[in-house]
């Protein structure tokens, strides 16, 4: 029997915002707990958690991010928390966010003579442009390189994201693929619901174009608004819907009066919304992996997305959907209009998208590969030591 591992996982958000990173890490901790791995999670906490988290969570001091107060930045690990970590006596540290907490975890791991791995979840460099903070890009890249270059492994969610990291001069030989999975039973075309469509004012012959995700600037909501407004102004059966909520919702409701705002959905409600839609649209260029795009694919939807790292490894051009340069909203509109007008293409692309999601994105297989990488990192560190 393999040795039971003890893992310290640091992250900027584990339970106070229900985003893709937090949900992925919670799923990972639950799976590890079933496979002989004890996990201590170190992360900021808020007064009101968004959901019940998995596993043991230890709070680190933090402060709200300027302009985006719902998110927090973790501060360095203090003496009391460091003492708890030492008592836990981990075999391995996994850093899931490159903020102050992550850098201090690297220093603590060195002091304890423990190996460190990291995972790349968020393209913070692309966030900066949406908040007029591009002048911080060089400093951010230096900080990330200082962290990732000192890890045994850097787990990256797609080969296309690996290429972009290499082009930016970050990491290299230590990069490993850690993709994401999808719940094939929850996200399925079988959950299509006429009642759900009618409840949202969608007629049987309407072609519903859906976006899913938080309504935040870094997901390219300005482009989303322009594309959906243009589609809503065109003659034809197309309708648009946003499956999500966020700080940009106020101005978007005014700018997009013909778009349905369904609000934040999760679980089976979200699965029903996907399956009851006809086309998926995702304009974000800030994703490292398109979790919502994969959920839409598993639900049998063709997708039109920005040609960016998060979608490039998922969407197969002309086979499951279309990839379009984010600067060409005219082509995005044309591709969406093309799918609206061609039900056979929608059906063919959607069926193929479902096949790809089922064949290549299984959570158990993906987590098993990550656990094997964990054990390799520990064994390699011990051998060198």
Protein backbone atom coordinates (compact mmCIF):
# COMPACT_ATOMS: atom_id res chain seq x y z
CA UNK A 1 0.00 0.00 0.00
CA UNK A 2 1.30 3.47 -0.88
CA UNK A 3 2.39 5.75 1.96
CA UNK A 4 -0.29 8.11 3.28
CA UNK A 5 0.65 11.63 2.19
CA UNK A 6 0.12 14.82 4.16
CA UNK A 7 -0.34 17.87 1.95
CA UNK A 8 -0.53 21.60 2.69
CA UNK A 9 -2.55 23.41 0.00
CA UNK A 10 -2.44 27.23 -0.10
CA UNK A 11 -4.90 29.22 -2.19
CA UNK A 12 -6.35 32.73 -2.37
CA UNK A 13 -9.97 31.51 -2.36
CA UNK A 14 -11.31 28.23 -1.07
CA UNK A 15 -14.86 28.89 0.11
CA UNK A 16 -15.84 32.58 0.08
CA UNK A 17 -16.49 32.92 -3.68
CA UNK A 18 -17.99 30.05 -5.65
CA UNK A 19 -15.71 30.33 -8.67
CA UNK A 20 -14.12 27.68 -10.85
CA UNK A 21 -10.82 27.58 -8.95
CA UNK A 22 -12.45 27.16 -5.55
CA UNK A 23 -14.78 24.43 -6.81
CA UNK A 24 -11.91 22.57 -8.48
CA UNK A 25 -9.77 22.68 -5.34
CA UNK A 26 -12.66 21.54 -3.14
CA UNK A 27 -13.31 18.64 -5.48
CA UNK A 28 -9.60 17.79 -5.36
CA UNK A 29 -9.45 17.83 -1.55
CA UNK A 30 -12.53 15.60 -1.32
CA UNK A 31 -11.01 13.13 -3.79
CA UNK A 32 -7.64 13.12 -2.03
CA UNK A 33 -9.36 12.40 1.27
CA UNK A 34 -10.72 9.21 -0.27
CA UNK A 35 -7.27 8.19 -1.52
CA UNK A 36 -5.01 8.22 1.55
CA UNK A 37 -4.00 11.89 1.44
CA UNK A 38 -4.49 14.17 4.45
CA UNK A 39 -4.86 17.81 3.43
CA UNK A 40 -4.55 21.07 5.36
CA UNK A 41 -5.90 23.98 3.31
CA UNK A 42 -4.50 27.45 4.07
CA UNK A 43 -6.60 30.28 2.66
CA UNK A 44 -8.29 33.59 3.50
CA UNK A 45 -11.75 33.42 5.00
CA UNK A 46 -14.72 35.76 4.90
CA UNK A 47 -17.46 36.32 7.47
CA UNK A 48 -19.99 34.56 5.27
CA UNK A 49 -18.72 31.57 3.25
CA UNK A 50 -20.33 30.98 -0.13
CA UNK A 51 -20.57 27.23 0.44
CA UNK A 52 -19.56 24.45 2.83
CA UNK A 53 -15.93 23.60 2.08
CA UNK A 54 -14.25 20.20 1.95
CA UNK A 55 -11.59 19.14 4.44
CA UNK A 56 -9.61 21.05 7.05
CA UNK A 57 -9.28 24.80 6.47
CA UNK A 58 -6.90 27.07 8.37
CA UNK A 59 -7.37 30.82 7.96
CA UNK A 60 -4.56 33.11 6.88
CA UNK A 61 -4.71 36.86 7.40
CA UNK A 62 -5.87 38.74 4.30
CA UNK A 63 -7.20 42.01 2.91
CA UNK A 64 -9.74 42.78 0.15
CA UNK A 65 -8.44 43.46 -3.34
CA UNK A 66 -8.82 47.12 -4.37
CA UNK A 67 -11.65 47.58 -6.92
CA UNK A 68 -12.74 43.94 -6.39
CA UNK A 69 -13.53 43.75 -2.68
CA UNK A 70 -15.26 40.38 -2.92
CA UNK A 71 -11.83 38.78 -3.46
CA UNK A 72 -9.04 38.79 -0.88
CA UNK A 73 -5.23 38.67 -0.97
CA UNK A 74 -3.65 36.34 1.53
CA UNK A 75 -0.83 37.73 3.67
CA UNK A 76 2.31 35.80 4.67
CA UNK A 77 1.88 32.86 7.00
CA UNK A 78 2.29 34.05 10.58
CA UNK A 79 4.01 32.26 13.49
CA UNK A 80 0.88 30.62 14.91
CA UNK A 81 -0.19 29.22 11.56
CA UNK A 82 3.37 28.15 10.79
CA UNK A 83 3.39 26.21 14.08
CA UNK A 84 0.21 24.40 13.05
CA UNK A 85 1.76 23.50 9.71
CA UNK A 86 4.91 22.20 11.40
CA UNK A 87 2.80 20.08 13.75
CA UNK A 88 0.91 18.71 10.74
CA UNK A 89 4.32 17.69 9.35
CA UNK A 90 3.45 17.67 5.65
CA UNK A 91 5.29 15.66 3.04
CA UNK A 92 4.50 18.24 0.36
CA UNK A 93 3.30 21.83 -0.18
CA UNK A 94 0.99 22.69 -3.09
CA UNK A 95 0.73 26.42 -3.87
CA UNK A 96 -2.37 27.26 -5.91
CA UNK A 97 -2.07 31.06 -5.92
CA UNK A 98 1.05 33.23 -6.29
CA UNK A 99 0.21 35.85 -3.66
CA UNK A 100 2.00 36.58 -0.36
CA UNK A 101 0.74 33.38 1.26
CA UNK A 102 2.18 31.26 -1.53
CA UNK A 103 5.60 32.89 -1.37
CA UNK A 104 5.73 32.48 2.41
CA UNK A 105 4.69 28.83 2.03
CA UNK A 106 7.68 28.35 -0.28
CA UNK A 107 10.00 29.82 2.36
CA UNK A 108 8.47 27.66 5.10
CA UNK A 109 8.80 24.54 2.95
CA UNK A 110 12.47 25.29 2.35
CA UNK A 111 13.01 25.73 6.07
CA UNK A 112 11.26 22.41 6.73
CA UNK A 113 13.12 20.78 3.83
CA UNK A 114 9.91 19.78 2.07
CA UNK A 115 9.19 19.77 -1.67
CA UNK A 116 6.85 22.31 -3.23
CA UNK A 117 4.60 22.05 -6.28
CA UNK A 118 2.36 24.75 -7.72
CA UNK A 119 -0.64 24.96 -10.02
CA UNK A 120 -1.47 27.73 -12.47
CA UNK A 121 -5.14 28.72 -12.36
CA UNK A 122 -5.56 32.39 -13.16
CA UNK A 123 -4.11 34.68 -15.80
CA UNK A 124 -3.60 37.64 -13.51
CA UNK A 125 -1.53 39.32 -16.23
CA UNK A 126 -4.61 39.64 -18.43
CA UNK A 127 -6.70 40.99 -15.52
CA UNK A 128 -4.53 44.08 -15.26
CA UNK A 129 -5.72 45.62 -18.54
CA UNK A 130 -9.32 45.70 -17.32
CA UNK A 131 -8.40 47.76 -14.25
CA UNK A 132 -5.82 50.10 -15.86
CA UNK A 133 -2.98 48.40 -14.00
CA UNK A 134 -0.81 47.28 -16.92
CA UNK A 135 2.17 49.04 -15.34
CA UNK A 136 2.27 46.16 -12.79
CA UNK A 137 2.67 43.45 -15.42
CA UNK A 138 6.48 43.20 -15.33
CA UNK A 139 6.55 43.05 -11.51
CA UNK A 140 3.82 40.40 -11.51
CA UNK A 141 5.71 38.26 -14.03
CA UNK A 142 8.90 38.50 -11.97
CA UNK A 143 7.04 37.47 -8.83
CA UNK A 144 5.43 34.49 -10.55
CA UNK A 145 8.72 33.35 -12.05
CA UNK A 146 10.40 33.56 -8.64
CA UNK A 147 7.74 31.23 -7.26
CA UNK A 148 7.24 28.75 -10.09
CA UNK A 149 10.90 28.31 -10.97
CA UNK A 150 11.53 27.05 -7.42
CA UNK A 151 8.87 24.33 -7.51
CA UNK A 152 9.35 20.66 -8.30
CA UNK A 153 6.38 20.78 -10.66
CA UNK A 154 4.11 23.47 -12.09
CA UNK A 155 0.70 22.01 -12.99
CA UNK A 156 -0.86 23.79 -15.97
CA UNK A 157 -4.40 23.05 -17.22
CA UNK A 158 -3.73 22.92 -20.97
CA UNK A 159 -0.93 22.57 -23.48
CA UNK A 160 -1.91 25.90 -25.02
CA UNK A 161 -1.43 27.57 -21.64
CA UNK A 162 1.97 25.90 -21.32
CA UNK A 163 2.98 27.45 -24.63
CA UNK A 164 2.00 30.91 -23.42
CA UNK A 165 3.90 30.50 -20.15
CA UNK A 166 7.02 29.43 -22.02
CA UNK A 167 6.68 32.42 -24.34
CA UNK A 168 6.53 34.66 -21.25
CA UNK A 169 9.73 33.11 -19.93
CA UNK A 170 8.06 31.33 -17.03
CA UNK A 171 8.82 27.76 -15.98
CA UNK A 172 9.94 25.15 -18.46
CA UNK A 173 11.00 21.60 -17.74
CA UNK A 174 8.96 21.44 -14.53
CA UNK A 175 5.56 21.96 -16.20
CA UNK A 176 3.07 19.09 -16.05
CA UNK A 177 -0.44 18.87 -17.48
CA UNK A 178 -3.25 18.98 -14.94
CA UNK A 179 -6.44 19.36 -16.94
CA UNK A 180 -9.97 19.52 -15.53
CA UNK A 181 -12.83 17.08 -15.63
CA UNK A 182 -16.57 17.41 -15.89
CA UNK A 183 -19.46 15.63 -14.18
CA UNK A 184 -20.84 13.67 -17.11
CA UNK A 185 -24.00 12.64 -15.27
CA UNK A 186 -24.90 16.13 -14.13
CA UNK A 187 -24.07 17.97 -17.36
CA UNK A 188 -25.99 16.17 -20.07
CA UNK A 189 -28.35 17.04 -22.95
CA UNK A 190 -30.95 14.85 -21.21
CA UNK A 191 -31.65 17.71 -18.80
CA UNK A 192 -33.12 19.94 -21.51
CA UNK A 193 -36.39 21.36 -20.17
CA UNK A 194 -39.20 22.99 -22.05
CA UNK A 195 -40.62 24.19 -18.73
CA UNK A 196 -37.31 25.92 -17.90
CA UNK A 197 -37.28 27.68 -21.26
CA UNK A 198 -40.88 28.83 -20.91
CA UNK A 199 -40.21 30.09 -17.38
CA UNK A 200 -37.51 32.34 -18.84
CA UNK A 201 -39.65 33.53 -21.75
CA UNK A 202 -37.95 31.33 -24.36
CA UNK A 203 -40.25 29.92 -27.05
CA UNK A 204 -39.87 26.45 -28.56
CA UNK A 205 -38.52 27.82 -31.85
CA UNK A 206 -36.15 30.36 -30.26
CA UNK A 207 -32.42 29.60 -30.58
CA UNK A 208 -30.98 30.41 -27.18
CA UNK A 209 -27.36 31.65 -26.96
CA UNK A 210 -25.97 31.37 -23.43
CA UNK A 211 -23.00 32.71 -21.50
CA UNK A 212 -22.13 31.18 -18.11
CA UNK A 213 -19.82 32.69 -15.53
CA UNK A 214 -19.32 35.67 -13.28
CA UNK A 215 -20.21 39.06 -14.69
CA UNK A 216 -16.84 40.68 -14.08
CA UNK A 217 -14.71 42.96 -16.23
CA UNK A 218 -11.89 40.45 -16.71
CA UNK A 219 -14.26 38.05 -18.46
CA UNK A 220 -14.64 40.59 -21.27
CA UNK A 221 -18.13 41.79 -20.38
CA UNK A 222 -17.79 44.89 -22.56
CA UNK A 223 -17.35 42.65 -25.60
CA UNK A 224 -20.14 40.39 -24.36
CA UNK A 225 -22.50 43.37 -24.21
CA UNK A 226 -21.67 44.52 -27.73
CA UNK A 227 -22.05 41.06 -29.27
CA UNK A 228 -25.32 40.20 -27.52
CA UNK A 229 -26.78 43.66 -28.22
CA UNK A 230 -25.96 43.27 -31.91
CA UNK A 231 -27.57 39.82 -32.00
CA UNK A 232 -30.65 41.05 -30.17
CA UNK A 233 -31.04 43.80 -32.77
CA UNK A 234 -30.93 41.35 -35.70
CA UNK A 235 -34.07 39.76 -37.13
CA UNK A 236 -34.26 36.04 -36.50
CA UNK A 237 -35.07 33.47 -33.81
CA UNK A 238 -32.00 34.11 -31.65
CA UNK A 239 -32.34 34.97 -27.95
CA UNK A 240 -29.56 35.65 -25.46
CA UNK A 241 -29.18 34.73 -21.80
CA UNK A 242 -26.57 35.25 -19.08
CA UNK A 243 -26.19 32.45 -16.55
CA UNK A 244 -24.38 34.28 -13.78
CA UNK A 245 -24.11 37.45 -11.75
CA UNK A 246 -21.44 39.86 -10.58
CA UNK A 247 -20.41 43.49 -10.15
CA UNK A 248 -20.87 44.36 -13.86
CA UNK A 249 -24.53 43.30 -13.86
CA UNK A 250 -25.93 46.79 -13.20
CA UNK A 251 -24.73 48.56 -16.33
CA UNK A 252 -25.16 45.39 -18.41
CA UNK A 253 -28.88 45.19 -17.63
CA UNK A 254 -29.30 48.72 -18.95
CA UNK A 255 -27.15 48.08 -22.04
CA UNK A 256 -28.78 44.71 -22.85
CA UNK A 257 -32.53 45.12 -22.22
CA UNK A 258 -33.44 42.17 -24.48
CA UNK A 259 -31.06 39.71 -22.83
CA UNK A 260 -32.37 37.43 -20.08
CA UNK A 261 -30.41 37.68 -16.82
CA UNK A 262 -30.92 34.33 -15.11
CA UNK A 263 -28.69 35.10 -12.13
CA UNK A 264 -26.20 32.83 -10.39
CA UNK A 265 -26.97 29.14 -10.90
CA UNK A 266 -25.20 26.05 -9.67
CA UNK A 267 -25.57 22.28 -9.52
CA UNK A 268 -28.56 20.77 -11.29
CA UNK A 269 -30.08 24.22 -11.94
CA UNK A 270 -27.01 25.19 -13.96
CA UNK A 271 -27.03 21.84 -15.76
CA UNK A 272 -30.66 22.37 -16.78
CA UNK A 273 -29.85 25.89 -18.03
CA UNK A 274 -27.00 24.63 -20.22
CA UNK A 275 -29.04 21.76 -21.67
CA UNK A 276 -32.00 24.05 -22.33
CA UNK A 277 -29.82 26.42 -24.36
CA UNK A 278 -28.73 25.90 -27.98
CA UNK A 279 -25.35 27.66 -28.37
CA UNK A 280 -22.64 28.63 -25.90
CA UNK A 281 -20.71 31.91 -26.16
CA UNK A 282 -17.62 32.72 -24.09
CA UNK A 283 -15.55 35.83 -24.95
CA UNK A 284 -13.07 35.71 -22.05
CA UNK A 285 -9.32 35.74 -22.74
CA UNK A 286 -8.34 35.48 -19.06
CA UNK A 287 -9.06 31.79 -18.47
CA UNK A 288 -6.35 29.17 -18.07
CA UNK A 289 -8.98 26.47 -18.60
CA UNK A 290 -12.59 27.00 -19.63
CA UNK A 291 -14.53 25.07 -16.98
CA UNK A 292 -17.84 26.51 -18.13
CA UNK A 293 -17.00 25.78 -21.77
CA UNK A 294 -16.36 22.14 -20.86
CA UNK A 295 -19.66 21.98 -18.95
CA UNK A 296 -21.46 23.40 -21.99
CA UNK A 297 -19.75 20.84 -24.24
CA UNK A 298 -20.82 17.99 -21.96
CA UNK A 299 -24.35 19.42 -22.19
CA UNK A 300 -24.25 19.05 -25.97
CA UNK A 301 -23.78 22.69 -26.98
CA UNK A 302 -21.66 24.00 -29.85
CA UNK A 303 -19.46 26.87 -28.70
CA UNK A 304 -18.18 30.15 -30.06
CA UNK A 305 -15.31 31.39 -27.90
CA UNK A 306 -12.41 33.79 -27.93
CA UNK A 307 -9.31 32.20 -29.44
CA UNK A 308 -7.39 32.20 -26.17
CA UNK A 309 -5.50 29.64 -24.10
CA UNK A 310 -8.45 28.69 -21.89
CA UNK A 311 -10.64 27.68 -24.82
CA UNK A 312 -8.08 26.71 -27.45
CA UNK A 313 -7.49 23.25 -25.97
CA UNK A 314 -11.22 22.56 -25.67
CA UNK A 315 -12.99 23.90 -28.75
CA UNK A 316 -12.15 22.18 -32.02
CA UNK A 317 -12.50 24.63 -34.86
CA UNK A 318 -15.22 23.62 -37.31
CA UNK A 319 -15.87 20.42 -35.35
CA UNK A 320 -17.33 21.38 -31.96
CA UNK A 321 -17.55 25.13 -32.51
CA UNK A 322 -15.54 28.18 -33.55
CA UNK A 323 -12.52 30.01 -32.11
CA UNK A 324 -12.44 33.72 -32.95
CA UNK A 325 -9.85 36.42 -32.29
CA UNK A 326 -11.23 38.50 -29.40
CA UNK A 327 -10.62 41.70 -31.39
CA UNK A 328 -13.01 40.54 -34.14
CA UNK A 329 -16.45 40.88 -32.65
CA UNK A 330 -17.84 41.10 -36.18
CA UNK A 331 -16.67 37.53 -36.84
CA UNK A 332 -18.03 36.40 -33.48
CA UNK A 333 -21.43 37.77 -34.47
CA UNK A 334 -21.18 36.09 -37.89
CA UNK A 335 -20.28 32.70 -36.38
CA UNK A 336 -23.12 32.87 -33.88
CA UNK A 337 -25.53 33.90 -36.63
CA UNK A 338 -24.30 31.01 -38.77
CA UNK A 339 -25.06 28.52 -35.99
CA UNK A 340 -28.47 30.09 -35.33
CA UNK A 341 -29.39 29.61 -39.00
CA UNK A 342 -28.15 26.02 -39.30
CA UNK A 343 -29.83 23.53 -36.93
CA UNK A 344 -27.98 20.60 -38.51
CA UNK A 345 -24.61 22.22 -37.77
CA UNK A 346 -25.70 22.92 -34.20
CA UNK A 347 -26.71 19.30 -33.77
CA UNK A 348 -23.53 17.93 -35.33
CA UNK A 349 -21.19 20.22 -33.39
CA UNK A 350 -23.08 19.66 -30.14
CA UNK A 351 -22.98 15.87 -30.42
CA UNK A 352 -19.26 15.94 -31.14
CA UNK A 353 -18.67 18.32 -28.22
CA UNK A 354 -20.42 15.88 -25.90
CA UNK A 355 -18.31 12.99 -27.23
CA UNK A 356 -15.06 14.91 -26.63
CA UNK A 357 -16.09 15.90 -23.10
CA UNK A 358 -16.92 12.30 -22.17
CA UNK A 359 -13.85 10.74 -23.74
CA UNK A 360 -11.14 13.12 -22.56
CA UNK A 361 -12.18 14.87 -19.35
CA UNK A 362 -12.78 12.38 -16.54
CA UNK A 363 -12.18 13.66 -12.98
CA UNK A 364 -11.01 10.37 -11.50
CA UNK A 365 -8.41 9.85 -14.22
CA UNK A 366 -7.21 13.45 -13.93
CA UNK A 367 -6.90 13.39 -10.13
CA UNK A 368 -5.16 10.02 -10.23
CA UNK A 369 -2.54 11.52 -12.52
CA UNK A 370 -2.04 14.46 -10.17
CA UNK A 371 -1.61 12.15 -7.17
CA UNK A 372 1.03 10.20 -9.11
CA UNK A 373 2.82 13.50 -9.77
CA UNK A 374 2.64 14.36 -6.05
CA UNK A 375 4.29 11.06 -5.14
CA UNK A 376 6.94 11.56 -7.81
CA UNK A 377 7.73 15.03 -6.46
CA UNK A 378 8.16 13.68 -2.93
CA UNK A 379 10.26 10.71 -4.07
CA UNK A 380 12.49 12.85 -6.28
CA UNK A 381 13.08 15.38 -3.49
CA UNK A 382 14.01 12.62 -1.04
CA UNK A 383 16.42 11.07 -3.53
CA UNK A 384 18.20 14.38 -4.07
CA UNK A 385 18.23 15.06 -0.33
